Structure formats: C-alpha cells, structure tokens
Amino acid sequence: MGQQKKTVRDKVIEVLESARGDPLKPKRIAEISGANYNSVRRVLYQLLSEGVVHRYMGGYILSKYMIDGE
C-alpha cells in the first residue's frame, strides 16, 4: 500500500532513461514497459511536443542525451 501506480508516461521515460541515449522505437518501448503500443505512441508525441524527447535515428531518446548540433 502507499505505492503509486506508474503512468504510461512514467514508464516511457523510465525505459528511455535506462537506454542511456540509444534510440528506441515505440514498439520496443511498449515491449519493455509492458504498456499498450498505442498509448506509448500517444505519450511519445506528447513528450516530443514538450521537448522532453527527440526523434533520432528512427527512434526516440531523451533530450538530455542529444549532442549539440545533431
């Protein structure tokens, strides 16, 4: 008791954090997180619009792993 249930957003960020800058596709993020694929895609688009993630090499990474100039 007292433990918060993780949201899809939390799970997506956690998976991308653990990837340490390796770009991951939505399908892979869904597999790792156990979240619904369509929910993962929706969250990724939201995170993209907020600047939290970037598209990179066909996948997504957290913005903090972007190298200046890429």
C-alpha atoms as a PDB file:
ATOM      1  CA  MET A   1       0.000   0.000   0.000  1.00  0.00           C
ATOM      2  CA  GLY A   2       1.004   3.599  -0.498  1.00  0.00           C
ATOM      3  CA  GLN A   3       2.804   2.830  -3.756  1.00  0.00           C
ATOM      4  CA  GLN A   4       1.721   4.947  -6.704  1.00  0.00           C
ATOM      5  CA  LYS A   5       0.847   3.146  -9.918  1.00  0.00           C
ATOM      6  CA  LYS A   6       3.179   4.262 -12.688  1.00  0.00           C
ATOM      7  CA  THR A   7       1.597   6.076 -15.589  1.00  0.00           C
ATOM      8  CA  VAL A   8       2.431   5.221 -19.200  1.00  0.00           C
ATOM      9  CA  ARG A   9       4.356   8.490 -19.290  1.00  0.00           C
ATOM     10  CA  ASP A  10       6.442   7.402 -16.282  1.00  0.00           C
ATOM     11  CA  LYS A  11       7.113   4.017 -17.879  1.00  0.00           C
ATOM     12  CA  VAL A  12       8.168   5.533 -21.213  1.00  0.00           C
ATOM     13  CA  ILE A  13      10.564   7.956 -19.535  1.00  0.00           C
ATOM     14  CA  GLU A  14      11.963   5.166 -17.360  1.00  0.00           C
ATOM     15  CA  VAL A  15      12.624   2.940 -20.407  1.00  0.00           C
ATOM     16  CA  LEU A  16      14.269   5.776 -22.333  1.00  0.00           C
ATOM     17  CA  GLU A  17      16.359   6.639 -19.269  1.00  0.00           C
ATOM     18  CA  SER A  18      17.582   3.056 -18.998  1.00  0.00           C
ATOM     19  CA  ALA A  19      18.503   3.082 -22.715  1.00  0.00           C
ATOM     20  CA  ARG A  20      21.042   5.838 -21.937  1.00  0.00           C
ATOM     21  CA  GLY A  21      20.742   7.594 -25.282  1.00  0.00           C
ATOM     22  CA  ASP A  22      20.207   4.585 -27.519  1.00  0.00           C
ATOM     23  CA  PRO A  23      17.230   5.392 -29.760  1.00  0.00           C
ATOM     24  CA  LEU A  24      14.231   3.118 -29.195  1.00  0.00           C
ATOM     25  CA  LYS A  25      11.196   2.658 -31.417  1.00  0.00           C
ATOM     26  CA  PRO A  26       7.692   2.823 -29.922  1.00  0.00           C
ATOM     27  CA  LYS A  27       7.164  -0.925 -30.365  1.00  0.00           C
ATOM     28  CA  ARG A  28      10.309  -1.704 -28.363  1.00  0.00           C
ATOM     29  CA  ILE A  29       9.374   0.799 -25.649  1.00  0.00           C
ATOM     30  CA  ALA A  30       5.952  -0.861 -25.375  1.00  0.00           C
ATOM     31  CA  GLU A  31       7.541  -4.332 -25.118  1.00  0.00           C
ATOM     32  CA  ILE A  32       9.980  -3.287 -22.404  1.00  0.00           C
ATOM     33  CA  SER A  33       7.484  -1.237 -20.388  1.00  0.00           C
ATOM     34  CA  GLY A  34       4.519  -3.586 -20.755  1.00  0.00           C
ATOM     35  CA  ALA A  35       2.392  -0.608 -21.821  1.00  0.00           C
ATOM     36  CA  ASN A  36      -0.048  -0.587 -24.720  1.00  0.00           C
ATOM     37  CA  TYR A  37       1.627   0.315 -28.037  1.00  0.00           C
ATOM     38  CA  ASN A  38      -0.920   2.998 -28.960  1.00  0.00           C
ATOM     39  CA  SER A  39      -0.626   4.545 -25.503  1.00  0.00           C
ATOM     40  CA  VAL A  40       3.165   4.620 -25.860  1.00  0.00           C
ATOM     41  CA  ARG A  41       2.870   6.371 -29.238  1.00  0.00           C
ATOM     42  CA  ARG A  42       0.459   8.947 -27.833  1.00  0.00           C
ATOM     43  CA  VAL A  43       2.772   9.660 -24.881  1.00  0.00           C
ATOM     44  CA  LEU A  44       5.817   9.917 -27.165  1.00  0.00           C
ATOM     45  CA  TYR A  45       4.079  12.532 -29.322  1.00  0.00           C
ATOM     46  CA  GLN A  46       3.183  14.485 -26.184  1.00  0.00           C
ATOM     47  CA  LEU A  47       6.753  14.252 -24.850  1.00  0.00           C
ATOM     48  CA  LEU A  48       8.055  15.304 -28.267  1.00  0.00           C
ATOM     49  CA  SER A  49       5.849  18.403 -28.284  1.00  0.00           C
ATOM     50  CA  GLU A  50       7.076  19.248 -24.768  1.00  0.00           C
ATOM     51  CA  GLY A  51      10.737  18.865 -25.780  1.00  0.00           C
ATOM     52  CA  VAL A  52      11.339  16.008 -23.349  1.00  0.00           C
ATOM     53  CA  VAL A  53      12.267  13.565 -26.134  1.00  0.00           C
ATOM     54  CA  HIS A  54      13.730  13.875 -29.625  1.00  0.00           C
ATOM     55  CA  ARG A  55      13.427  11.656 -32.672  1.00  0.00           C
ATOM     56  CA  TYR A  56      16.838  10.274 -33.500  1.00  0.00           C
ATOM     57  CA  MET A  57      17.973   7.585 -35.939  1.00  0.00           C
ATOM     58  CA  GLY A  58      14.475   6.166 -36.353  1.00  0.00           C
ATOM     59  CA  GLY A  59      13.702   6.055 -32.640  1.00  0.00           C
ATOM     60  CA  TYR A  60      13.261   8.260 -29.608  1.00  0.00           C
ATOM     61  CA  ILE A  61      15.748   9.413 -26.990  1.00  0.00           C
ATOM     62  CA  LEU A  62      15.516  11.718 -24.012  1.00  0.00           C
ATOM     63  CA  SER A  63      16.502  15.276 -24.937  1.00  0.00           C
ATOM     64  CA  LYS A  64      19.253  15.315 -22.327  1.00  0.00           C
ATOM     65  CA  TYR A  65      21.154  12.737 -24.423  1.00  0.00           C
ATOM     66  CA  MET A  66      21.122  14.878 -27.562  1.00  0.00           C
ATOM     67  CA  ILE A  67      24.528  16.199 -28.585  1.00  0.00           C
ATOM     68  CA  ASP A  68      24.576  19.843 -29.633  1.00  0.00           C
ATOM     69  CA  GLY A  69      24.368  20.197 -33.389  1.00  0.00           C
ATOM     70  CA  GLU A  70      22.517  16.934 -34.109  1.00  0.00           C
END
